[in-house]
Structure formats: C-alpha cells, structure tokens
Amino acid sequence: LDNQGRLMCSINKRRHSAAGVLHHKTFVLNVPPANLAETLLAIGACSGESVDKVERFSAPLGGYCRPGWKSLTWPPEQPED
C-alpha cells in the first residue's frame, strides 16, 4: 500500500477466489484481530467452491459486518485543485 492508496495484491489464478475477483472486479481486504487466527486458518484451508464459508464460519466470527463499516470507492476520490 502506498501513499496514494494503491495496493498490490497477488492471487493464484487457479484459486476459486481469483475467479470472483476477476468477475466482479473488486475484493475485500480484512485485517482481523489475533484471537481469530485459528478460525482464519480453517477458513483458508477450505475452498469456497465446495463450502459455504459464510454459513460455516459466521458464528465463530461473530456474525456479519459490525456496525460502522462502510463501502469504499475505487479509485479513491482525488481532492480538487
């Protein structure tokens, strides 16, 4: 991530996630707390192609998005000169 809000991300094109990113032209980057490490490893160890990860893991993660989240626009808005 640089000072202009640009992020470089690499995803193996054979992964199920890559098809979604390429199709929707968007992705979400989450930075979870350390106490979710075990659950996150379990999420990463299975494929969303064969497992409904929201259904399987939403309870250990405490449900869906917490209040206060907001959608981001890309590219970031540039201040007018």
PDB file of N, CA and C in Angstrom:
ATOM      1  N   LEU A   1       0.863  -1.169   0.000  1.00  0.00           N
ATOM      2  CA  LEU A   1       0.000   0.000   0.000  1.00  0.00           C
ATOM      3  C   LEU A   1       0.904   1.225   0.000  1.00  0.00           C
ATOM      4  N   ASP A   2       0.623   2.137  -0.903  1.00  0.00           N
ATOM      5  CA  ASP A   2       1.444   3.341  -0.931  1.00  0.00           C
ATOM      6  C   ASP A   2       0.638   4.566  -0.488  1.00  0.00           C
ATOM      7  N   ASN A   3       1.263   5.712  -0.498  1.00  0.00           N
ATOM      8  CA  ASN A   3       0.619   6.935  -0.013  1.00  0.00           C
ATOM      9  C   ASN A   3      -0.522   7.428  -0.898  1.00  0.00           C
ATOM     10  N   GLN A   4      -0.667   6.879  -2.084  1.00  0.00           N
ATOM     11  CA  GLN A   4      -1.770   7.245  -2.962  1.00  0.00           C
ATOM     12  C   GLN A   4      -2.932   6.251  -2.847  1.00  0.00           C
ATOM     13  N   GLY A   5      -2.839   5.324  -1.913  1.00  0.00           N
ATOM     14  CA  GLY A   5      -3.916   4.365  -1.708  1.00  0.00           C
ATOM     15  C   GLY A   5      -3.905   3.204  -2.679  1.00  0.00           C
ATOM     16  N   ARG A   6      -2.807   3.003  -3.371  1.00  0.00           N
ATOM     17  CA  ARG A   6      -2.705   1.885  -4.308  1.00  0.00           C
ATOM     18  C   ARG A   6      -2.194   0.662  -3.564  1.00  0.00           C
ATOM     19  N   LEU A   7      -2.755  -0.480  -3.908  1.00  0.00           N
ATOM     20  CA  LEU A   7      -2.416  -1.738  -3.258  1.00  0.00           C
ATOM     21  C   LEU A   7      -2.049  -2.758  -4.316  1.00  0.00           C
ATOM     22  N   MET A   8      -1.023  -3.510  -4.064  1.00  0.00           N
ATOM     23  CA  MET A   8      -0.659  -4.603  -4.954  1.00  0.00           C
ATOM     24  C   MET A   8      -1.074  -5.897  -4.285  1.00  0.00           C
ATOM     25  N   CYS A   9      -1.751  -6.740  -5.024  1.00  0.00           N
ATOM     26  CA  CYS A   9      -2.252  -7.997  -4.484  1.00  0.00           C
ATOM     27  C   CYS A   9      -2.001  -9.090  -5.512  1.00  0.00           C
ATOM     28  N   SER A  10      -1.596 -10.254  -5.055  1.00  0.00           N
ATOM     29  CA  SER A  10      -1.348 -11.383  -5.941  1.00  0.00           C
ATOM     30  C   SER A  10      -2.236 -12.550  -5.521  1.00  0.00           C
ATOM     31  N   ILE A  11      -2.974 -13.104  -6.485  1.00  0.00           N
ATOM     32  CA  ILE A  11      -3.838 -14.254  -6.233  1.00  0.00           C
ATOM     33  C   ILE A  11      -3.565 -15.291  -7.310  1.00  0.00           C
ATOM     34  N   ASN A  12      -3.371 -16.535  -6.917  1.00  0.00           N
ATOM     35  CA  ASN A  12      -3.169 -17.615  -7.862  1.00  0.00           C
ATOM     36  C   ASN A  12      -4.415 -17.746  -8.732  1.00  0.00           C
ATOM     37  N   LYS A  13      -4.258 -17.666 -10.057  1.00  0.00           N
ATOM     38  CA  LYS A  13      -5.413 -17.688 -10.954  1.00  0.00           C
ATOM     39  C   LYS A  13      -6.180 -19.006 -10.919  1.00  0.00           C
ATOM     40  N   ARG A  14      -5.609 -20.047 -10.354  1.00  0.00           N
ATOM     41  CA  ARG A  14      -6.306 -21.327 -10.239  1.00  0.00           C
ATOM     42  C   ARG A  14      -7.187 -21.400  -8.998  1.00  0.00           C
ATOM     43  N   ARG A  15      -7.119 -20.401  -8.127  1.00  0.00           N
ATOM     44  CA  ARG A  15      -7.928 -20.376  -6.908  1.00  0.00           C
ATOM     45  C   ARG A  15      -9.354 -19.931  -7.211  1.00  0.00           C
ATOM     46  N   HIS A  16     -10.295 -20.453  -6.443  1.00  0.00           N
ATOM     47  CA  HIS A  16     -11.700 -20.085  -6.584  1.00  0.00           C
ATOM     48  C   HIS A  16     -11.880 -18.577  -6.371  1.00  0.00           C
ATOM     49  N   SER A  17     -11.139 -18.006  -5.431  1.00  0.00           N
ATOM     50  CA  SER A  17     -11.235 -16.568  -5.147  1.00  0.00           C
ATOM     51  C   SER A  17     -10.869 -15.716  -6.355  1.00  0.00           C
ATOM     52  N   ALA A  18      -9.900 -16.165  -7.141  1.00  0.00           N
ATOM     53  CA  ALA A  18      -9.454 -15.390  -8.294  1.00  0.00           C
ATOM     54  C   ALA A  18     -10.578 -15.212  -9.302  1.00  0.00           C
ATOM     55  N   ALA A  19     -11.380 -16.246  -9.520  1.00  0.00           N
ATOM     56  CA  ALA A  19     -12.494 -16.142 -10.465  1.00  0.00           C
ATOM     57  C   ALA A  19     -13.477 -15.065 -10.011  1.00  0.00           C
ATOM     58  N   GLY A  20     -13.753 -14.994  -8.715  1.00  0.00           N
ATOM     59  CA  GLY A  20     -14.663 -13.975  -8.196  1.00  0.00           C
ATOM     60  C   GLY A  20     -14.107 -12.576  -8.336  1.00  0.00           C
ATOM     61  N   VAL A  21     -12.821 -12.411  -8.042  1.00  0.00           N
ATOM     62  CA  VAL A  21     -12.188 -11.095  -8.164  1.00  0.00           C
ATOM     63  C   VAL A  21     -12.192 -10.647  -9.625  1.00  0.00           C
ATOM     64  N   LEU A  22     -11.850 -11.541 -10.523  1.00  0.00           N
ATOM     65  CA  LEU A  22     -11.827 -11.179 -11.941  1.00  0.00           C
ATOM     66  C   LEU A  22     -13.230 -10.880 -12.465  1.00  0.00           C
ATOM     67  N   HIS A  23     -14.222 -11.620 -12.015  1.00  0.00           N
ATOM     68  CA  HIS A  23     -15.591 -11.409 -12.470  1.00  0.00           C
ATOM     69  C   HIS A  23     -16.173 -10.096 -11.930  1.00  0.00           C
ATOM     70  N   HIS A  24     -16.020  -9.869 -10.639  1.00  0.00           N
ATOM     71  CA  HIS A  24     -16.638  -8.707 -10.000  1.00  0.00           C
ATOM     72  C   HIS A  24     -15.763  -7.452 -10.023  1.00  0.00           C
ATOM     73  N   LYS A  25     -14.472  -7.622 -10.338  1.00  0.00           N
ATOM     74  CA  LYS A  25     -13.514  -6.503 -10.370  1.00  0.00           C
ATOM     75  C   LYS A  25     -13.408  -5.800  -9.021  1.00  0.00           C
ATOM     76  N   THR A  26     -13.562  -6.561  -7.950  1.00  0.00           N
ATOM     77  CA  THR A  26     -13.470  -5.995  -6.602  1.00  0.00           C
ATOM     78  C   THR A  26     -13.103  -7.099  -5.619  1.00  0.00           C
ATOM     79  N   PHE A  27     -12.579  -6.705  -4.474  1.00  0.00           N
ATOM     80  CA  PHE A  27     -12.304  -7.649  -3.397  1.00  0.00           C
ATOM     81  C   PHE A  27     -12.280  -6.877  -2.090  1.00  0.00           C
ATOM     82  N   VAL A  28     -12.286  -7.616  -1.004  1.00  0.00           N
ATOM     83  CA  VAL A  28     -12.267  -7.012   0.322  1.00  0.00           C
ATOM     84  C   VAL A  28     -10.989  -7.443   1.023  1.00  0.00           C
ATOM     85  N   LEU A  29     -10.341  -6.504   1.654  1.00  0.00           N
ATOM     86  CA  LEU A  29      -9.151  -6.792   2.444  1.00  0.00           C
ATOM     87  C   LEU A  29      -9.514  -6.566   3.905  1.00  0.00           C
ATOM     88  N   ASN A  30      -9.454  -7.612   4.698  1.00  0.00           N
ATOM     89  CA  ASN A  30      -9.780  -7.526   6.116  1.00  0.00           C
ATOM     90  C   ASN A  30      -8.520  -7.712   6.947  1.00  0.00           C
ATOM     91  N   VAL A  31      -8.438  -6.994   8.035  1.00  0.00           N
ATOM     92  CA  VAL A  31      -7.327  -7.141   8.968  1.00  0.00           C
ATOM     93  C   VAL A  31      -7.942  -7.571  10.294  1.00  0.00           C
ATOM     94  N   PRO A  32      -7.955  -8.879  10.545  1.00  0.00           N
ATOM     95  CA  PRO A  32      -8.624  -9.398  11.740  1.00  0.00           C
ATOM     96  C   PRO A  32      -7.741  -9.330  12.980  1.00  0.00           C
ATOM     97  N   PRO A  33      -8.377  -9.415  14.144  1.00  0.00           N
ATOM     98  CA  PRO A  33      -7.601  -9.465  15.390  1.00  0.00           C
ATOM     99  C   PRO A  33      -6.935 -10.827  15.557  1.00  0.00           C
ATOM    100  N   ALA A  34      -5.885 -10.875  16.337  1.00  0.00           N
ATOM    101  CA  ALA A  34      -5.102 -12.100  16.529  1.00  0.00           C
ATOM    102  C   ALA A  34      -5.920 -13.233  17.135  1.00  0.00           C
ATOM    103  N   ASN A  35      -6.952 -12.929  17.910  1.00  0.00           N
ATOM    104  CA  ASN A  35      -7.715 -14.009  18.553  1.00  0.00           C
ATOM    105  C   ASN A  35      -8.552 -14.810  17.558  1.00  0.00           C
ATOM    106  N   LEU A  36      -8.604 -14.385  16.295  1.00  0.00           N
ATOM    107  CA  LEU A  36      -9.322 -15.147  15.268  1.00  0.00           C
ATOM    108  C   LEU A  36      -8.389 -16.003  14.418  1.00  0.00           C
ATOM    109  N   ALA A  37      -7.134 -16.110  14.792  1.00  0.00           N
ATOM    110  CA  ALA A  37      -6.141 -16.814  13.971  1.00  0.00           C
ATOM    111  C   ALA A  37      -6.546 -18.245  13.648  1.00  0.00           C
ATOM    112  N   GLU A  38      -7.002 -18.990  14.623  1.00  0.00           N
ATOM    113  CA  GLU A  38      -7.371 -20.400  14.399  1.00  0.00           C
ATOM    114  C   GLU A  38      -8.541 -20.504  13.412  1.00  0.00           C
ATOM    115  N   THR A  39      -9.539 -19.662  13.604  1.00  0.00           N
ATOM    116  CA  THR A  39     -10.694 -19.667  12.695  1.00  0.00           C
ATOM    117  C   THR A  39     -10.279 -19.259  11.287  1.00  0.00           C
ATOM    118  N   LEU A  40      -9.418 -18.265  11.169  1.00  0.00           N
ATOM    119  CA  LEU A  40      -8.980 -17.812   9.851  1.00  0.00           C
ATOM    120  C   LEU A  40      -8.163 -18.868   9.127  1.00  0.00           C
ATOM    121  N   LEU A  41      -7.369 -19.616   9.854  1.00  0.00           N
ATOM    122  CA  LEU A  41      -6.635 -20.711   9.226  1.00  0.00           C
ATOM    123  C   LEU A  41      -7.602 -21.769   8.700  1.00  0.00           C
ATOM    124  N   ALA A  42      -8.673 -22.038   9.446  1.00  0.00           N
ATOM    125  CA  ALA A  42      -9.679 -23.004   8.995  1.00  0.00           C
ATOM    126  C   ALA A  42     -10.404 -22.492   7.749  1.00  0.00           C
ATOM    127  N   ILE A  43     -10.702 -21.203   7.712  1.00  0.00           N
ATOM    128  CA  ILE A  43     -11.363 -20.615   6.542  1.00  0.00           C
ATOM    129  C   ILE A  43     -10.461 -20.744   5.310  1.00  0.00           C
ATOM    130  N   GLY A  44      -9.196 -20.451   5.479  1.00  0.00           N
ATOM    131  CA  GLY A  44      -8.256 -20.533   4.365  1.00  0.00           C
ATOM    132  C   GLY A  44      -7.950 -21.940   3.916  1.00  0.00           C
ATOM    133  N   ALA A  45      -8.208 -22.918   4.775  1.00  0.00           N
ATOM    134  CA  ALA A  45      -7.885 -24.308   4.453  1.00  0.00           C
ATOM    135  C   ALA A  45      -8.971 -25.006   3.640  1.00  0.00           C
ATOM    136  N   CYS A  46     -10.117 -24.346   3.435  1.00  0.00           N
ATOM    137  CA  CYS A  46     -11.169 -24.960   2.624  1.00  0.00           C
ATOM    138  C   CYS A  46     -11.515 -24.035   1.466  1.00  0.00           C
ATOM    139  N   SER A  47     -12.086 -24.605   0.413  1.00  0.00           N
ATOM    140  CA  SER A  47     -12.419 -23.835  -0.779  1.00  0.00           C
ATOM    141  C   SER A  47     -13.863 -23.371  -0.747  1.00  0.00           C
ATOM    142  N   GLY A  48     -14.086 -22.116  -1.096  1.00  0.00           N
ATOM    143  CA  GLY A  48     -15.437 -21.592  -1.213  1.00  0.00           C
ATOM    144  C   GLY A  48     -16.202 -22.223  -2.362  1.00  0.00           C
ATOM    145  N   GLU A  49     -15.496 -22.943  -3.211  1.00  0.00           N
ATOM    146  CA  GLU A  49     -16.146 -23.643  -4.315  1.00  0.00           C
ATOM    147  C   GLU A  49     -16.976 -24.814  -3.798  1.00  0.00           C
ATOM    148  N   SER A  50     -16.522 -25.422  -2.687  1.00  0.00           N
ATOM    149  CA  SER A  50     -17.220 -26.596  -2.154  1.00  0.00           C
ATOM    150  C   SER A  50     -17.832 -26.362  -0.774  1.00  0.00           C
ATOM    151  N   VAL A  51     -17.529 -25.246  -0.136  1.00  0.00           N
ATOM    152  CA  VAL A  51     -18.026 -24.950   1.213  1.00  0.00           C
ATOM    153  C   VAL A  51     -18.626 -23.545   1.236  1.00  0.00           C
ATOM    154  N   ASP A  52     -19.813 -23.399   1.817  1.00  0.00           N
ATOM    155  CA  ASP A  52     -20.389 -22.070   2.021  1.00  0.00           C
ATOM    156  C   ASP A  52     -19.724 -21.502   3.269  1.00  0.00           C
ATOM    157  N   LYS A  53     -18.698 -20.687   3.068  1.00  0.00           N
ATOM    158  CA  LYS A  53     -17.900 -20.197   4.189  1.00  0.00           C
ATOM    159  C   LYS A  53     -18.683 -19.269   5.109  1.00  0.00           C
ATOM    160  N   VAL A  54     -19.620 -18.499   4.559  1.00  0.00           N
ATOM    161  CA  VAL A  54     -20.434 -17.623   5.407  1.00  0.00           C
ATOM    162  C   VAL A  54     -21.267 -18.464   6.358  1.00  0.00           C
ATOM    163  N   GLU A  55     -21.915 -19.495   5.815  1.00  0.00           N
ATOM    164  CA  GLU A  55     -22.737 -20.359   6.662  1.00  0.00           C
ATOM    165  C   GLU A  55     -21.894 -21.114   7.691  1.00  0.00           C
ATOM    166  N   ARG A  56     -20.765 -21.613   7.260  1.00  0.00           N
ATOM    167  CA  ARG A  56     -19.931 -22.446   8.141  1.00  0.00           C
ATOM    168  C   ARG A  56     -19.197 -21.652   9.214  1.00  0.00           C
ATOM    169  N   PHE A  57     -18.762 -20.444   8.895  1.00  0.00           N
ATOM    170  CA  PHE A  57     -17.879 -19.725   9.811  1.00  0.00           C
ATOM    171  C   PHE A  57     -18.445 -18.439  10.402  1.00  0.00           C
ATOM    172  N   SER A  58     -19.673 -18.040  10.072  1.00  0.00           N
ATOM    173  CA  SER A  58     -20.158 -16.752  10.583  1.00  0.00           C
ATOM    174  C   SER A  58     -20.301 -16.750  12.101  1.00  0.00           C
ATOM    175  N   ALA A  59     -20.671 -17.874  12.724  1.00  0.00           N
ATOM    176  CA  ALA A  59     -20.794 -17.900  14.192  1.00  0.00           C
ATOM    177  C   ALA A  59     -19.436 -17.669  14.870  1.00  0.00           C
ATOM    178  N   PRO A  60     -18.361 -18.388  14.467  1.00  0.00           N
ATOM    179  CA  PRO A  60     -17.068 -18.121  15.109  1.00  0.00           C
ATOM    180  C   PRO A  60     -16.552 -16.703  14.872  1.00  0.00           C
ATOM    181  N   LEU A  61     -17.013 -16.074  13.804  1.00  0.00           N
ATOM    182  CA  LEU A  61     -16.568 -14.713  13.509  1.00  0.00           C
ATOM    183  C   LEU A  61     -17.482 -13.666  14.128  1.00  0.00           C
ATOM    184  N   GLY A  62     -18.554 -14.091  14.769  1.00  0.00           N
ATOM    185  CA  GLY A  62     -19.441 -13.147  15.434  1.00  0.00           C
ATOM    186  C   GLY A  62     -20.509 -12.578  14.527  1.00  0.00           C
ATOM    187  N   GLY A  63     -20.802 -13.219  13.424  1.00  0.00           N
ATOM    188  CA  GLY A  63     -21.837 -12.727  12.513  1.00  0.00           C
ATOM    189  C   GLY A  63     -21.241 -12.024  11.323  1.00  0.00           C
ATOM    190  N   TYR A  64     -21.979 -11.110  10.781  1.00  0.00           N
ATOM    191  CA  TYR A  64     -21.561 -10.404   9.579  1.00  0.00           C
ATOM    192  C   TYR A  64     -20.829  -9.119   9.941  1.00  0.00           C
ATOM    193  N   CYS A  65     -20.844  -8.158   9.059  1.00  0.00           N
ATOM    194  CA  CYS A  65     -20.116  -6.903   9.288  1.00  0.00           C
ATOM    195  C   CYS A  65     -20.602  -6.199  10.545  1.00  0.00           C
ATOM    196  N   ARG A  66     -19.702  -5.715  11.310  1.00  0.00           N
ATOM    197  CA  ARG A  66     -20.014  -4.964  12.514  1.00  0.00           C
ATOM    198  C   ARG A  66     -20.506  -3.568  12.148  1.00  0.00           C
ATOM    199  N   PRO A  67     -21.313  -2.945  13.005  1.00  0.00           N
ATOM    200  CA  PRO A  67     -21.736  -1.571  12.734  1.00  0.00           C
ATOM    201  C   PRO A  67     -20.521  -0.660  12.564  1.00  0.00           C
ATOM    202  N   GLY A  68     -20.644   0.270  11.651  1.00  0.00           N
ATOM    203  CA  GLY A  68     -19.562   1.226  11.441  1.00  0.00           C
ATOM    204  C   GLY A  68     -18.779   0.985  10.177  1.00  0.00           C
ATOM    205  N   TRP A  69     -18.941  -0.184   9.542  1.00  0.00           N
ATOM    206  CA  TRP A  69     -18.215  -0.412   8.295  1.00  0.00           C
ATOM    207  C   TRP A  69     -18.841   0.428   7.212  1.00  0.00           C
ATOM    208  N   LYS A  70     -18.074   0.759   6.213  1.00  0.00           N
ATOM    209  CA  LYS A  70     -18.634   1.474   5.076  1.00  0.00           C
ATOM    210  C   LYS A  70     -17.927   1.022   3.813  1.00  0.00           C
ATOM    211  N   SER A  71     -18.661   1.067   2.734  1.00  0.00           N
ATOM    212  CA  SER A  71     -18.091   0.695   1.440  1.00  0.00           C
ATOM    213  C   SER A  71     -17.080   1.745   1.015  1.00  0.00           C
ATOM    214  N   LEU A  72     -16.034   1.298   0.370  1.00  0.00           N
ATOM    215  CA  LEU A  72     -15.026   2.207  -0.153  1.00  0.00           C
ATOM    216  C   LEU A  72     -15.181   2.301  -1.655  1.00  0.00           C
ATOM    217  N   THR A  73     -14.817   3.417  -2.221  1.00  0.00           N
ATOM    218  CA  THR A  73     -14.836   3.569  -3.670  1.00  0.00           C
ATOM    219  C   THR A  73     -13.424   3.415  -4.193  1.00  0.00           C
ATOM    220  N   TRP A  74     -13.317   2.912  -5.406  1.00  0.00           N
ATOM    221  CA  TRP A  74     -12.006   2.777  -6.021  1.00  0.00           C
ATOM    222  C   TRP A  74     -12.082   3.282  -7.428  1.00  0.00           C
ATOM    223  N   PRO A  75     -11.172   4.073  -7.866  1.00  0.00           N
ATOM    224  CA  PRO A  75     -10.044   4.591  -7.107  1.00  0.00           C
ATOM    225  C   PRO A  75     -10.503   5.635  -6.097  1.00  0.00           C
ATOM    226  N   PRO A  76      -9.680   5.899  -5.092  1.00  0.00           N
ATOM    227  CA  PRO A  76     -10.058   6.904  -4.079  1.00  0.00           C
ATOM    228  C   PRO A  76     -10.323   8.250  -4.741  1.00  0.00           C
ATOM    229  N   GLU A  77     -11.247   8.980  -4.162  1.00  0.00           N
ATOM    230  CA  GLU A  77     -11.545  10.309  -4.695  1.00  0.00           C
ATOM    231  C   GLU A  77     -10.314  11.202  -4.543  1.00  0.00           C
ATOM    232  N   GLN A  78     -10.051  11.968  -5.575  1.00  0.00           N
ATOM    233  CA  GLN A  78      -8.907  12.883  -5.557  1.00  0.00           C
ATOM    234  C   GLN A  78      -9.410  14.281  -5.186  1.00  0.00           C
ATOM    235  N   PRO A  79      -8.699  14.997  -4.320  1.00  0.00           N
ATOM    236  CA  PRO A  79      -9.115  16.362  -3.983  1.00  0.00           C
ATOM    237  C   PRO A  79      -9.035  17.259  -5.211  1.00  0.00           C
ATOM    238  N   GLU A  80      -9.989  18.173  -5.291  1.00  0.00           N
ATOM    239  CA  GLU A  80      -9.978  19.117  -6.406  1.00  0.00           C
ATOM    240  C   GLU A  80      -8.918  20.176  -6.162  1.00  0.00           C
ATOM    241  N   ASP A  81      -8.268  20.611  -7.250  1.00  0.00           N
ATOM    242  CA  ASP A  81      -7.224  21.647  -7.132  1.00  0.00           C
ATOM    243  C   ASP A  81      -7.807  23.009  -6.937  1.00  0.00           C
TER     244      ASP A  81
END
